[in-house]
């Protein structure tokens, strides 16, 4: 989990300014918010990785699991 913390710090420092560049002048509608949230979840899934199930298989994390691990307002909250 330490590597996830380091990766999140790297993501927040290097990736988020690029994604949110010029957000002060954006007019966010529902579609834009959904796209930002989808992008954020995609990044979080790559950082936190899959979950091993008790049956021996692997699955991707659900959205609520990602938001439980990542305690932050999210991209749409930062863009507003």
PDB file of N, CA and C in Angstrom:
ATOM      1  N   UNK A   1       0.815  -1.186   0.000  1.00  0.00           N
ATOM      2  CA  UNK A   1       0.000   0.000   0.000  1.00  0.00           C
ATOM      3  C   UNK A   1       0.865   1.259   0.000  1.00  0.00           C
ATOM      4  N   UNK A   2       2.124   1.130   0.434  1.00  0.00           N
ATOM      5  CA  UNK A   2       3.017   2.278   0.436  1.00  0.00           C
ATOM      6  C   UNK A   2       3.268   2.767  -0.987  1.00  0.00           C
ATOM      7  N   UNK A   3       3.385   1.828  -1.932  1.00  0.00           N
ATOM      8  CA  UNK A   3       3.605   2.234  -3.313  1.00  0.00           C
ATOM      9  C   UNK A   3       2.387   2.970  -3.867  1.00  0.00           C
ATOM     10  N   UNK A   4       1.189   2.617  -3.400  1.00  0.00           N
ATOM     11  CA  UNK A   4      -0.014   3.323  -3.840  1.00  0.00           C
ATOM     12  C   UNK A   4       0.005   4.763  -3.340  1.00  0.00           C
ATOM     13  N   UNK A   5       0.480   4.975  -2.140  1.00  0.00           N
ATOM     14  CA  UNK A   5       0.567   6.332  -1.589  1.00  0.00           C
ATOM     15  C   UNK A   5       1.567   7.159  -2.391  1.00  0.00           C
ATOM     16  N   UNK A   6       2.693   6.567  -2.721  1.00  0.00           N
ATOM     17  CA  UNK A   6       3.707   7.266  -3.513  1.00  0.00           C
ATOM     18  C   UNK A   6       3.176   7.571  -4.904  1.00  0.00           C
ATOM     19  N   UNK A   7       2.490   6.612  -5.505  1.00  0.00           N
ATOM     20  CA  UNK A   7       1.935   6.818  -6.836  1.00  0.00           C
ATOM     21  C   UNK A   7       0.856   7.890  -6.820  1.00  0.00           C
ATOM     22  N   UNK A   8       0.038   7.930  -5.769  1.00  0.00           N
ATOM     23  CA  UNK A   8      -0.987   8.965  -5.666  1.00  0.00           C
ATOM     24  C   UNK A   8      -0.350  10.347  -5.531  1.00  0.00           C
ATOM     25  N   UNK A   9       0.717  10.439  -4.766  1.00  0.00           N
ATOM     26  CA  UNK A   9       1.411  11.719  -4.631  1.00  0.00           C
ATOM     27  C   UNK A   9       1.972  12.155  -5.980  1.00  0.00           C
ATOM     28  N   UNK A  10       2.538  11.218  -6.714  1.00  0.00           N
ATOM     29  CA  UNK A  10       3.066  11.516  -8.047  1.00  0.00           C
ATOM     30  C   UNK A  10       1.940  11.943  -8.983  1.00  0.00           C
ATOM     31  N   UNK A  11       0.822  11.255  -8.921  1.00  0.00           N
ATOM     32  CA  UNK A  11      -0.321  11.578  -9.776  1.00  0.00           C
ATOM     33  C   UNK A  11      -0.862  12.964  -9.454  1.00  0.00           C
ATOM     34  N   UNK A  12      -1.006  13.267  -8.178  1.00  0.00           N
ATOM     35  CA  UNK A  12      -1.529  14.578  -7.779  1.00  0.00           C
ATOM     36  C   UNK A  12      -0.580  15.703  -8.155  1.00  0.00           C
ATOM     37  N   UNK A  13       0.710  15.440  -8.110  1.00  0.00           N
ATOM     38  CA  UNK A  13       1.689  16.476  -8.396  1.00  0.00           C
ATOM     39  C   UNK A  13       1.879  16.685  -9.897  1.00  0.00           C
ATOM     40  N   UNK A  14       1.858  15.618 -10.696  1.00  0.00           N
ATOM     41  CA  UNK A  14       2.202  15.742 -12.106  1.00  0.00           C
ATOM     42  C   UNK A  14       1.022  15.641 -13.067  1.00  0.00           C
ATOM     43  N   UNK A  15       0.072  14.795 -12.775  1.00  0.00           N
ATOM     44  CA  UNK A  15      -1.006  14.544 -13.727  1.00  0.00           C
ATOM     45  C   UNK A  15      -2.178  15.498 -13.565  1.00  0.00           C
ATOM     46  N   UNK A  16      -2.575  15.771 -12.353  1.00  0.00           N
ATOM     47  CA  UNK A  16      -3.774  16.576 -12.130  1.00  0.00           C
ATOM     48  C   UNK A  16      -3.655  18.012 -12.657  1.00  0.00           C
ATOM     49  N   UNK A  17      -2.511  18.672 -12.535  1.00  0.00           N
ATOM     50  CA  UNK A  17      -2.436  20.013 -13.133  1.00  0.00           C
ATOM     51  C   UNK A  17      -2.639  20.006 -14.644  1.00  0.00           C
ATOM     52  N   UNK A  18      -2.194  18.953 -15.307  1.00  0.00           N
ATOM     53  CA  UNK A  18      -2.384  18.850 -16.754  1.00  0.00           C
ATOM     54  C   UNK A  18      -3.858  18.642 -17.082  1.00  0.00           C
ATOM     55  N   UNK A  19      -4.508  17.783 -16.314  1.00  0.00           N
ATOM     56  CA  UNK A  19      -5.924  17.487 -16.561  1.00  0.00           C
ATOM     57  C   UNK A  19      -6.788  18.708 -16.273  1.00  0.00           C
ATOM     58  N   UNK A  20      -6.474  19.429 -15.224  1.00  0.00           N
ATOM     59  CA  UNK A  20      -7.320  20.547 -14.791  1.00  0.00           C
ATOM     60  C   UNK A  20      -6.864  21.903 -15.325  1.00  0.00           C
ATOM     61  N   UNK A  21      -5.965  21.915 -16.296  1.00  0.00           N
ATOM     62  CA  UNK A  21      -5.463  23.175 -16.839  1.00  0.00           C
ATOM     63  C   UNK A  21      -6.613  23.993 -17.430  1.00  0.00           C
ATOM     64  N   UNK A  22      -6.746  25.199 -16.995  1.00  0.00           N
ATOM     65  CA  UNK A  22      -7.767  26.099 -17.507  1.00  0.00           C
ATOM     66  C   UNK A  22      -9.158  25.853 -16.963  1.00  0.00           C
ATOM     67  N   UNK A  23      -9.277  25.095 -15.872  1.00  0.00           N
ATOM     68  CA  UNK A  23     -10.608  24.738 -15.373  1.00  0.00           C
ATOM     69  C   UNK A  23     -11.370  25.947 -14.825  1.00  0.00           C
ATOM     70  N   UNK A  24     -10.675  27.044 -14.572  1.00  0.00           N
ATOM     71  CA  UNK A  24     -11.366  28.226 -14.073  1.00  0.00           C
ATOM     72  C   UNK A  24     -12.342  28.771 -15.108  1.00  0.00           C
ATOM     73  N   UNK A  25     -12.054  28.552 -16.378  1.00  0.00           N
ATOM     74  CA  UNK A  25     -12.914  29.092 -17.431  1.00  0.00           C
ATOM     75  C   UNK A  25     -13.878  28.058 -18.010  1.00  0.00           C
ATOM     76  N   UNK A  26     -13.869  26.838 -17.480  1.00  0.00           N
ATOM     77  CA  UNK A  26     -14.774  25.800 -17.985  1.00  0.00           C
ATOM     78  C   UNK A  26     -16.191  26.066 -17.510  1.00  0.00           C
ATOM     79  N   UNK A  27     -17.142  25.677 -18.319  1.00  0.00           N
ATOM     80  CA  UNK A  27     -18.529  25.592 -17.876  1.00  0.00           C
ATOM     81  C   UNK A  27     -18.860  24.107 -17.806  1.00  0.00           C
ATOM     82  N   UNK A  28     -18.807  23.570 -16.603  1.00  0.00           N
ATOM     83  CA  UNK A  28     -19.003  22.132 -16.422  1.00  0.00           C
ATOM     84  C   UNK A  28     -20.477  21.770 -16.504  1.00  0.00           C
ATOM     85  N   UNK A  29     -20.772  20.836 -17.374  1.00  0.00           N
ATOM     86  CA  UNK A  29     -22.109  20.264 -17.394  1.00  0.00           C
ATOM     87  C   UNK A  29     -22.007  18.828 -16.889  1.00  0.00           C
ATOM     88  N   UNK A  30     -23.124  18.145 -16.852  1.00  0.00           N
ATOM     89  CA  UNK A  30     -23.154  16.786 -16.291  1.00  0.00           C
ATOM     90  C   UNK A  30     -22.248  15.836 -17.077  1.00  0.00           C
ATOM     91  N   UNK A  31     -22.209  15.958 -18.394  1.00  0.00           N
ATOM     92  CA  UNK A  31     -21.374  15.086 -19.219  1.00  0.00           C
ATOM     93  C   UNK A  31     -19.895  15.285 -18.898  1.00  0.00           C
ATOM     94  N   UNK A  32     -19.477  16.544 -18.733  1.00  0.00           N
ATOM     95  CA  UNK A  32     -18.080  16.819 -18.395  1.00  0.00           C
ATOM     96  C   UNK A  32     -17.719  16.266 -17.022  1.00  0.00           C
ATOM     97  N   UNK A  33     -18.617  16.412 -16.051  1.00  0.00           N
ATOM     98  CA  UNK A  33     -18.370  15.862 -14.719  1.00  0.00           C
ATOM     99  C   UNK A  33     -18.244  14.346 -14.769  1.00  0.00           C
ATOM    100  N   UNK A  34     -19.116  13.709 -15.545  1.00  0.00           N
ATOM    101  CA  UNK A  34     -19.049  12.249 -15.676  1.00  0.00           C
ATOM    102  C   UNK A  34     -17.742  11.806 -16.320  1.00  0.00           C
ATOM    103  N   UNK A  35     -17.280  12.546 -17.313  1.00  0.00           N
ATOM    104  CA  UNK A  35     -16.015  12.205 -17.973  1.00  0.00           C
ATOM    105  C   UNK A  35     -14.825  12.380 -17.033  1.00  0.00           C
ATOM    106  N   UNK A  36     -14.835  13.454 -16.249  1.00  0.00           N
ATOM    107  CA  UNK A  36     -13.757  13.653 -15.278  1.00  0.00           C
ATOM    108  C   UNK A  36     -13.751  12.546 -14.231  1.00  0.00           C
ATOM    109  N   UNK A  37     -14.926  12.189 -13.728  1.00  0.00           N
ATOM    110  CA  UNK A  37     -15.014  11.115 -12.734  1.00  0.00           C
ATOM    111  C   UNK A  37     -14.585   9.778 -13.318  1.00  0.00           C
ATOM    112  N   UNK A  38     -14.952   9.515 -14.557  1.00  0.00           N
ATOM    113  CA  UNK A  38     -14.558   8.271 -15.220  1.00  0.00           C
ATOM    114  C   UNK A  38     -13.039   8.206 -15.373  1.00  0.00           C
ATOM    115  N   UNK A  39     -12.429   9.315 -15.780  1.00  0.00           N
ATOM    116  CA  UNK A  39     -10.975   9.360 -15.918  1.00  0.00           C
ATOM    117  C   UNK A  39     -10.294   9.134 -14.572  1.00  0.00           C
ATOM    118  N   UNK A  40     -10.828   9.778 -13.535  1.00  0.00           N
ATOM    119  CA  UNK A  40     -10.249   9.621 -12.206  1.00  0.00           C
ATOM    120  C   UNK A  40     -10.340   8.171 -11.727  1.00  0.00           C
ATOM    121  N   UNK A  41     -11.479   7.533 -11.928  1.00  0.00           N
ATOM    122  CA  UNK A  41     -11.628   6.133 -11.527  1.00  0.00           C
ATOM    123  C   UNK A  41     -10.690   5.223 -12.312  1.00  0.00           C
ATOM    124  N   UNK A  42     -10.468   5.540 -13.571  1.00  0.00           N
ATOM    125  CA  UNK A  42      -9.542   4.748 -14.390  1.00  0.00           C
ATOM    126  C   UNK A  42      -8.128   4.817 -13.814  1.00  0.00           C
ATOM    127  N   UNK A  43      -7.702   6.007 -13.430  1.00  0.00           N
ATOM    128  CA  UNK A  43      -6.377   6.179 -12.823  1.00  0.00           C
ATOM    129  C   UNK A  43      -6.315   5.457 -11.480  1.00  0.00           C
ATOM    130  N   UNK A  44      -7.353   5.599 -10.659  1.00  0.00           N
ATOM    131  CA  UNK A  44      -7.365   4.951  -9.345  1.00  0.00           C
ATOM    132  C   UNK A  44      -7.336   3.433  -9.467  1.00  0.00           C
ATOM    133  N   UNK A  45      -8.021   2.882 -10.455  1.00  0.00           N
ATOM    134  CA  UNK A  45      -8.002   1.427 -10.639  1.00  0.00           C
ATOM    135  C   UNK A  45      -6.613   0.937 -11.014  1.00  0.00           C
ATOM    136  N   UNK A  46      -5.882   1.733 -11.777  1.00  0.00           N
ATOM    137  CA  UNK A  46      -4.518   1.335 -12.136  1.00  0.00           C
ATOM    138  C   UNK A  46      -3.590   1.431 -10.932  1.00  0.00           C
ATOM    139  N   UNK A  47      -3.810   2.415 -10.083  1.00  0.00           N
ATOM    140  CA  UNK A  47      -2.948   2.594  -8.914  1.00  0.00           C
ATOM    141  C   UNK A  47      -3.221   1.523  -7.867  1.00  0.00           C
ATOM    142  N   UNK A  48      -4.484   1.320  -7.509  1.00  0.00           N
ATOM    143  CA  UNK A  48      -4.819   0.389  -6.433  1.00  0.00           C
ATOM    144  C   UNK A  48      -4.908  -1.056  -6.893  1.00  0.00           C
ATOM    145  N   UNK A  49      -5.082  -1.294  -8.166  1.00  0.00           N
ATOM    146  CA  UNK A  49      -5.057  -2.646  -8.699  1.00  0.00           C
ATOM    147  C   UNK A  49      -6.294  -3.461  -8.387  1.00  0.00           C
ATOM    148  N   UNK A  50      -6.292  -4.717  -8.848  1.00  0.00           N
ATOM    149  CA  UNK A  50      -7.448  -5.587  -8.640  1.00  0.00           C
ATOM    150  C   UNK A  50      -7.496  -6.144  -7.217  1.00  0.00           C
ATOM    151  N   UNK A  51      -8.604  -6.810  -6.911  1.00  0.00           N
ATOM    152  CA  UNK A  51      -8.823  -7.419  -5.604  1.00  0.00           C
ATOM    153  C   UNK A  51      -8.843  -8.929  -5.782  1.00  0.00           C
ATOM    154  N   UNK A  52      -8.119  -9.634  -4.914  1.00  0.00           N
ATOM    155  CA  UNK A  52      -8.152 -11.090  -4.955  1.00  0.00           C
ATOM    156  C   UNK A  52      -9.357 -11.572  -4.158  1.00  0.00           C
ATOM    157  N   UNK A  53     -10.169 -12.392  -4.786  1.00  0.00           N
ATOM    158  CA  UNK A  53     -11.358 -12.916  -4.128  1.00  0.00           C
ATOM    159  C   UNK A  53     -11.035 -14.210  -3.403  1.00  0.00           C
ATOM    160  N   UNK A  54     -11.933 -14.610  -2.526  1.00  0.00           N
ATOM    161  CA  UNK A  54     -11.717 -15.817  -1.731  1.00  0.00           C
ATOM    162  C   UNK A  54     -11.738 -17.081  -2.589  1.00  0.00           C
ATOM    163  N   UNK A  55     -12.390 -17.027  -3.733  1.00  0.00           N
ATOM    164  CA  UNK A  55     -12.444 -18.186  -4.617  1.00  0.00           C
ATOM    165  C   UNK A  55     -11.162 -18.359  -5.424  1.00  0.00           C
ATOM    166  N   UNK A  56     -10.241 -17.451  -5.288  1.00  0.00           N
ATOM    167  CA  UNK A  56      -8.970 -17.543  -5.988  1.00  0.00           C
ATOM    168  C   UNK A  56      -8.899 -16.714  -7.250  1.00  0.00           C
ATOM    169  N   UNK A  57      -9.963 -16.035  -7.602  1.00  0.00           N
ATOM    170  CA  UNK A  57      -9.967 -15.205  -8.796  1.00  0.00           C
ATOM    171  C   UNK A  57      -9.639 -13.755  -8.477  1.00  0.00           C
ATOM    172  N   UNK A  58      -9.594 -12.963  -9.514  1.00  0.00           N
ATOM    173  CA  UNK A  58      -9.331 -11.536  -9.375  1.00  0.00           C
ATOM    174  C   UNK A  58     -10.493 -10.767  -9.984  1.00  0.00           C
ATOM    175  N   UNK A  59     -10.751  -9.578  -9.459  1.00  0.00           N
ATOM    176  CA  UNK A  59     -11.773  -8.704 -10.019  1.00  0.00           C
ATOM    177  C   UNK A  59     -11.327  -7.258  -9.860  1.00  0.00           C
ATOM    178  N   UNK A  60     -11.919  -6.380 -10.675  1.00  0.00           N
ATOM    179  CA  UNK A  60     -11.608  -4.963 -10.526  1.00  0.00           C
ATOM    180  C   UNK A  60     -12.348  -4.417  -9.311  1.00  0.00           C
ATOM    181  N   UNK A  61     -11.830  -3.337  -8.782  1.00  0.00           N
ATOM    182  CA  UNK A  61     -12.473  -2.720  -7.619  1.00  0.00           C
ATOM    183  C   UNK A  61     -13.738  -1.980  -8.050  1.00  0.00           C
ATOM    184  N   UNK A  62     -14.733  -2.013  -7.183  1.00  0.00           N
ATOM    185  CA  UNK A  62     -15.964  -1.265  -7.424  1.00  0.00           C
ATOM    186  C   UNK A  62     -15.719   0.207  -7.116  1.00  0.00           C
ATOM    187  N   UNK A  63     -16.589   1.063  -7.639  1.00  0.00           N
ATOM    188  CA  UNK A  63     -16.422   2.501  -7.446  1.00  0.00           C
ATOM    189  C   UNK A  63     -16.399   2.884  -5.971  1.00  0.00           C
ATOM    190  N   UNK A  64     -17.287   2.306  -5.181  1.00  0.00           N
ATOM    191  CA  UNK A  64     -17.328   2.672  -3.762  1.00  0.00           C
ATOM    192  C   UNK A  64     -16.048   2.244  -3.045  1.00  0.00           C
ATOM    193  N   UNK A  65     -15.422   1.144  -3.486  1.00  0.00           N
ATOM    194  CA  UNK A  65     -14.155   0.722  -2.886  1.00  0.00           C
ATOM    195  C   UNK A  65     -13.048   1.714  -3.215  1.00  0.00           C
ATOM    196  N   UNK A  66     -13.050   2.218  -4.442  1.00  0.00           N
ATOM    197  CA  UNK A  66     -12.049   3.213  -4.828  1.00  0.00           C
ATOM    198  C   UNK A  66     -12.210   4.487  -4.011  1.00  0.00           C
ATOM    199  N   UNK A  67     -13.452   4.936  -3.843  1.00  0.00           N
ATOM    200  CA  UNK A  67     -13.689   6.163  -3.101  1.00  0.00           C
ATOM    201  C   UNK A  67     -13.400   5.989  -1.611  1.00  0.00           C
ATOM    202  N   UNK A  68     -13.551   4.770  -1.088  1.00  0.00           N
ATOM    203  CA  UNK A  68     -13.178   4.513   0.303  1.00  0.00           C
ATOM    204  C   UNK A  68     -11.667   4.593   0.486  1.00  0.00           C
ATOM    205  N   UNK A  69     -10.913   4.090  -0.482  1.00  0.00           N
ATOM    206  CA  UNK A  69      -9.455   4.132  -0.401  1.00  0.00           C
ATOM    207  C   UNK A  69      -8.916   5.538  -0.642  1.00  0.00           C
ATOM    208  N   UNK A  70      -9.572   6.273  -1.507  1.00  0.00           N
ATOM    209  CA  UNK A  70      -9.095   7.582  -1.937  1.00  0.00           C
ATOM    210  C   UNK A  70      -9.964   8.657  -1.308  1.00  0.00           C
ATOM    211  N   UNK A  71      -9.523   9.219  -0.218  1.00  0.00           N
ATOM    212  CA  UNK A  71     -10.290  10.242   0.502  1.00  0.00           C
ATOM    213  C   UNK A  71      -9.897  11.622  -0.004  1.00  0.00           C
ATOM    214  N   UNK A  72     -10.565  12.043  -1.071  1.00  0.00           N
ATOM    215  CA  UNK A  72     -10.262  13.324  -1.688  1.00  0.00           C
ATOM    216  C   UNK A  72     -11.531  13.808  -2.386  1.00  0.00           C
ATOM    217  N   UNK A  73     -11.683  15.112  -2.601  1.00  0.00           N
ATOM    218  CA  UNK A  73     -12.913  15.578  -3.236  1.00  0.00           C
ATOM    219  C   UNK A  73     -13.106  15.094  -4.663  1.00  0.00           C
ATOM    220  N   UNK A  74     -12.059  14.675  -5.325  1.00  0.00           N
ATOM    221  CA  UNK A  74     -12.194  14.210  -6.696  1.00  0.00           C
ATOM    222  C   UNK A  74     -11.933  15.323  -7.688  1.00  0.00           C
ATOM    223  N   UNK A  75     -11.837  14.951  -8.955  1.00  0.00           N
ATOM    224  CA  UNK A  75     -11.527  15.928  -9.991  1.00  0.00           C
ATOM    225  C   UNK A  75     -12.646  16.931 -10.199  1.00  0.00           C
ATOM    226  N   UNK A  76     -13.892  16.477 -10.178  1.00  0.00           N
ATOM    227  CA  UNK A  76     -14.978  17.426 -10.395  1.00  0.00           C
ATOM    228  C   UNK A  76     -15.086  18.410  -9.240  1.00  0.00           C
ATOM    229  N   UNK A  77     -14.725  18.000  -8.030  1.00  0.00           N
ATOM    230  CA  UNK A  77     -14.708  18.913  -6.895  1.00  0.00           C
ATOM    231  C   UNK A  77     -13.562  19.910  -6.969  1.00  0.00           C
ATOM    232  N   UNK A  78     -12.449  19.513  -7.568  1.00  0.00           N
ATOM    233  CA  UNK A  78     -11.316  20.416  -7.724  1.00  0.00           C
ATOM    234  C   UNK A  78     -11.530  21.387  -8.877  1.00  0.00           C
ATOM    235  N   UNK A  79     -12.289  20.960  -9.875  1.00  0.00           N
ATOM    236  CA  UNK A  79     -12.496  21.807 -11.045  1.00  0.00           C
ATOM    237  C   UNK A  79     -13.500  22.917 -10.786  1.00  0.00           C
ATOM    238  N   UNK A  80     -14.312  22.769  -9.753  1.00  0.00           N
ATOM    239  CA  UNK A  80     -15.350  23.780  -9.491  1.00  0.00           C
ATOM    240  C   UNK A  80     -14.795  24.941  -8.730  1.00  0.00           C
TER     241      UNK A  80
END
